[in-house]
Amino acid sequence: MSALLAWLLGNPTILAIGAGLVGALGWGFHQRLAGARAERGRQAEAEIAARNVADQVDNDIGALPVDAVRKELKSWARD
């Protein structure tokens, strides 16, 4: 067993293949994390945009006179 292990660790071709495999797995893991980070950034931007629209709607509703708000809400209520 130790002879096999010594041969594997002493063979530069086997070491190069192993290093390449480890490097490829590390690169793939890094790309996966980068994609997740980018997606979180896109979602955060979308949430900010939605929050800005909601704030604008709240501001527009708050600027309406009370009678106009009641009239608008009455159109949404069931009779």
N, C-alpha and C. Protein backbone atom coordinates (compact mmCIF):
# COMPACT_ATOMS: atom_id res chain seq x y z
N MET A 1 0.82 -1.19 0.00
CA MET A 1 0.00 0.00 0.00
C MET A 1 0.87 1.25 0.00
N SER A 2 1.90 1.24 0.82
CA SER A 2 2.78 2.41 0.87
C SER A 2 3.56 2.57 -0.43
N ALA A 3 3.86 1.47 -1.09
CA ALA A 3 4.57 1.56 -2.37
C ALA A 3 3.68 2.21 -3.42
N LEU A 4 2.40 1.86 -3.41
CA LEU A 4 1.45 2.45 -4.34
C LEU A 4 1.29 3.94 -4.07
N LEU A 5 1.18 4.29 -2.81
CA LEU A 5 1.06 5.70 -2.42
C LEU A 5 2.32 6.48 -2.78
N ALA A 6 3.47 5.90 -2.56
CA ALA A 6 4.73 6.55 -2.91
C ALA A 6 4.83 6.73 -4.42
N TRP A 7 4.38 5.74 -5.20
CA TRP A 7 4.40 5.86 -6.65
C TRP A 7 3.47 6.96 -7.13
N LEU A 8 2.25 7.03 -6.54
CA LEU A 8 1.28 8.06 -6.93
C LEU A 8 1.80 9.46 -6.60
N LEU A 9 2.39 9.61 -5.42
CA LEU A 9 2.87 10.93 -5.01
C LEU A 9 4.20 11.30 -5.67
N GLY A 10 4.89 10.34 -6.18
CA GLY A 10 6.17 10.60 -6.83
C GLY A 10 6.04 10.76 -8.33
N ASN A 11 4.92 10.43 -8.90
CA ASN A 11 4.72 10.51 -10.33
C ASN A 11 4.22 11.91 -10.70
N PRO A 12 5.02 12.68 -11.45
CA PRO A 12 4.60 14.05 -11.77
C PRO A 12 3.34 14.12 -12.64
N THR A 13 3.11 13.13 -13.47
CA THR A 13 1.90 13.14 -14.30
C THR A 13 0.65 13.00 -13.45
N ILE A 14 0.69 12.08 -12.51
CA ILE A 14 -0.44 11.87 -11.61
C ILE A 14 -0.67 13.12 -10.76
N LEU A 15 0.42 13.73 -10.29
CA LEU A 15 0.29 14.96 -9.49
C LEU A 15 -0.30 16.09 -10.32
N ALA A 16 0.11 16.21 -11.57
CA ALA A 16 -0.41 17.26 -12.44
C ALA A 16 -1.91 17.06 -12.71
N ILE A 17 -2.29 15.82 -12.95
CA ILE A 17 -3.71 15.52 -13.18
C ILE A 17 -4.52 15.84 -11.93
N GLY A 18 -4.01 15.44 -10.78
CA GLY A 18 -4.70 15.73 -9.51
C GLY A 18 -4.79 17.23 -9.25
N ALA A 19 -3.70 17.96 -9.51
CA ALA A 19 -3.71 19.40 -9.31
C ALA A 19 -4.69 20.08 -10.26
N GLY A 20 -4.75 19.59 -11.49
CA GLY A 20 -5.70 20.14 -12.46
C GLY A 20 -7.14 19.90 -12.03
N LEU A 21 -7.40 18.71 -11.51
CA LEU A 21 -8.74 18.38 -11.04
C LEU A 21 -9.13 19.26 -9.86
N VAL A 22 -8.23 19.42 -8.91
CA VAL A 22 -8.51 20.27 -7.75
C VAL A 22 -8.70 21.72 -8.20
N GLY A 23 -7.88 22.18 -9.13
CA GLY A 23 -8.01 23.54 -9.64
C GLY A 23 -9.33 23.76 -10.36
N ALA A 24 -9.73 22.78 -11.16
CA ALA A 24 -11.01 22.90 -11.88
C ALA A 24 -12.18 22.92 -10.91
N LEU A 25 -12.13 22.09 -9.90
CA LEU A 25 -13.21 22.09 -8.89
C LEU A 25 -13.24 23.41 -8.13
N GLY A 26 -12.08 23.93 -7.79
CA GLY A 26 -12.02 25.22 -7.10
C GLY A 26 -12.55 26.35 -7.95
N TRP A 27 -12.20 26.35 -9.23
CA TRP A 27 -12.68 27.38 -10.15
C TRP A 27 -14.19 27.29 -10.31
N GLY A 28 -14.71 26.08 -10.44
CA GLY A 28 -16.16 25.89 -10.57
C GLY A 28 -16.89 26.37 -9.34
N PHE A 29 -16.36 26.08 -8.17
CA PHE A 29 -16.98 26.53 -6.93
C PHE A 29 -16.96 28.05 -6.84
N HIS A 30 -15.85 28.65 -7.26
CA HIS A 30 -15.74 30.11 -7.25
C HIS A 30 -16.78 30.73 -8.20
N GLN A 31 -16.96 30.14 -9.38
CA GLN A 31 -17.93 30.66 -10.34
C GLN A 31 -19.35 30.53 -9.81
N ARG A 32 -19.62 29.45 -9.11
CA ARG A 32 -20.95 29.26 -8.53
C ARG A 32 -21.24 30.33 -7.50
N LEU A 33 -20.27 30.62 -6.66
CA LEU A 33 -20.44 31.67 -5.65
C LEU A 33 -20.58 33.04 -6.29
N ALA A 34 -19.83 33.30 -7.35
CA ALA A 34 -19.92 34.58 -8.05
C ALA A 34 -21.30 34.75 -8.68
N GLY A 35 -21.85 33.69 -9.23
CA GLY A 35 -23.20 33.75 -9.81
C GLY A 35 -24.25 34.01 -8.75
N ALA A 36 -24.11 33.38 -7.60
CA ALA A 36 -25.06 33.60 -6.51
C ALA A 36 -24.97 35.04 -6.00
N ARG A 37 -23.76 35.55 -5.91
CA ARG A 37 -23.56 36.94 -5.46
C ARG A 37 -24.19 37.92 -6.46
N ALA A 38 -24.02 37.65 -7.75
CA ALA A 38 -24.60 38.51 -8.79
C ALA A 38 -26.12 38.47 -8.75
N GLU A 39 -26.68 37.29 -8.52
CA GLU A 39 -28.14 37.16 -8.45
C GLU A 39 -28.69 37.90 -7.24
N ARG A 40 -28.00 37.81 -6.11
CA ARG A 40 -28.44 38.56 -4.92
C ARG A 40 -28.41 40.05 -5.20
N GLY A 41 -27.41 40.51 -5.94
CA GLY A 41 -27.32 41.92 -6.30
C GLY A 41 -28.47 42.35 -7.20
N ARG A 42 -28.81 41.51 -8.19
CA ARG A 42 -29.94 41.83 -9.07
C ARG A 42 -31.25 41.87 -8.29
N GLN A 43 -31.44 40.93 -7.38
CA GLN A 43 -32.66 40.92 -6.58
C GLN A 43 -32.74 42.13 -5.67
N ALA A 44 -31.61 42.54 -5.11
CA ALA A 44 -31.60 43.72 -4.25
C ALA A 44 -31.95 44.97 -5.05
N GLU A 45 -31.44 45.09 -6.27
CA GLU A 45 -31.78 46.23 -7.11
C GLU A 45 -33.27 46.23 -7.45
N ALA A 46 -33.83 45.05 -7.74
CA ALA A 46 -35.26 44.96 -8.06
C ALA A 46 -36.10 45.34 -6.84
N GLU A 47 -35.68 44.91 -5.66
CA GLU A 47 -36.42 45.26 -4.45
C GLU A 47 -36.35 46.76 -4.17
N ILE A 48 -35.21 47.37 -4.44
CA ILE A 48 -35.08 48.82 -4.25
C ILE A 48 -36.00 49.56 -5.21
N ALA A 49 -36.04 49.10 -6.47
CA ALA A 49 -36.91 49.74 -7.46
C ALA A 49 -38.38 49.59 -7.06
N ALA A 50 -38.76 48.40 -6.60
CA ALA A 50 -40.14 48.19 -6.16
C ALA A 50 -40.47 49.04 -4.94
N ARG A 51 -39.53 49.17 -4.03
CA ARG A 51 -39.74 50.01 -2.84
C ARG A 51 -39.90 51.47 -3.24
N ASN A 52 -39.13 51.93 -4.23
CA ASN A 52 -39.26 53.30 -4.70
C ASN A 52 -40.62 53.56 -5.31
N VAL A 53 -41.13 52.59 -6.08
CA VAL A 53 -42.46 52.73 -6.67
C VAL A 53 -43.52 52.75 -5.56
N ALA A 54 -43.38 51.87 -4.58
CA ALA A 54 -44.34 51.84 -3.48
C ALA A 54 -44.31 53.14 -2.68
N ASP A 55 -43.13 53.69 -2.46
CA ASP A 55 -43.02 54.96 -1.76
C ASP A 55 -43.66 56.09 -2.56
N GLN A 56 -43.48 56.06 -3.88
CA GLN A 56 -44.08 57.09 -4.74
C GLN A 56 -45.60 57.00 -4.69
N VAL A 57 -46.14 55.78 -4.71
CA VAL A 57 -47.59 55.60 -4.62
C VAL A 57 -48.09 56.10 -3.27
N ASP A 58 -47.39 55.75 -2.20
CA ASP A 58 -47.78 56.23 -0.87
C ASP A 58 -47.76 57.75 -0.80
N ASN A 59 -46.75 58.37 -1.40
CA ASN A 59 -46.66 59.83 -1.41
C ASN A 59 -47.80 60.44 -2.22
N ASP A 60 -48.13 59.83 -3.36
CA ASP A 60 -49.22 60.35 -4.18
C ASP A 60 -50.56 60.22 -3.46
N ILE A 61 -50.76 59.11 -2.78
CA ILE A 61 -52.02 58.92 -2.04
C ILE A 61 -52.09 59.88 -0.86
N GLY A 62 -50.98 60.08 -0.21
CA GLY A 62 -50.95 61.00 0.93
C GLY A 62 -51.21 62.44 0.53
N ALA A 63 -50.93 62.79 -0.72
CA ALA A 63 -51.12 64.16 -1.19
C ALA A 63 -52.57 64.42 -1.62
N LEU A 64 -53.37 63.38 -1.78
CA LEU A 64 -54.76 63.57 -2.20
C LEU A 64 -55.61 64.10 -1.05
N PRO A 65 -56.60 64.92 -1.36
CA PRO A 65 -57.53 65.33 -0.32
C PRO A 65 -58.38 64.14 0.14
N VAL A 66 -58.92 64.25 1.32
CA VAL A 66 -59.67 63.15 1.93
C VAL A 66 -60.86 62.75 1.07
N ASP A 67 -61.58 63.71 0.52
CA ASP A 67 -62.75 63.39 -0.31
C ASP A 67 -62.35 62.60 -1.55
N ALA A 68 -61.23 62.94 -2.16
CA ALA A 68 -60.77 62.21 -3.34
C ALA A 68 -60.38 60.78 -2.98
N VAL A 69 -59.76 60.59 -1.82
CA VAL A 69 -59.39 59.25 -1.37
C VAL A 69 -60.64 58.41 -1.14
N ARG A 70 -61.64 58.99 -0.48
CA ARG A 70 -62.89 58.25 -0.23
C ARG A 70 -63.57 57.87 -1.55
N LYS A 71 -63.59 58.82 -2.49
CA LYS A 71 -64.22 58.54 -3.78
C LYS A 71 -63.47 57.41 -4.49
N GLU A 72 -62.15 57.43 -4.46
CA GLU A 72 -61.34 56.39 -5.10
C GLU A 72 -61.56 55.03 -4.42
N LEU A 73 -61.58 55.02 -3.10
CA LEU A 73 -61.80 53.76 -2.37
C LEU A 73 -63.20 53.22 -2.59
N LYS A 74 -64.15 54.11 -2.74
CA LYS A 74 -65.53 53.67 -2.97
C LYS A 74 -65.64 52.91 -4.29
N SER A 75 -64.85 53.28 -5.27
CA SER A 75 -64.91 52.57 -6.55
C SER A 75 -64.35 51.16 -6.45
N TRP A 76 -63.54 50.89 -5.43
CA TRP A 76 -62.98 49.57 -5.23
C TRP A 76 -63.82 48.69 -4.31
N ALA A 77 -64.74 49.28 -3.59
CA ALA A 77 -65.55 48.52 -2.62
C ALA A 77 -66.74 47.86 -3.34
N ARG A 78 -67.14 46.70 -2.82
CA ARG A 78 -68.32 46.03 -3.36
C ARG A 78 -69.56 46.69 -2.78
N ASP A 79 -70.58 46.70 -3.59
CA ASP A 79 -71.85 47.27 -3.11
C ASP A 79 -72.68 46.25 -2.40
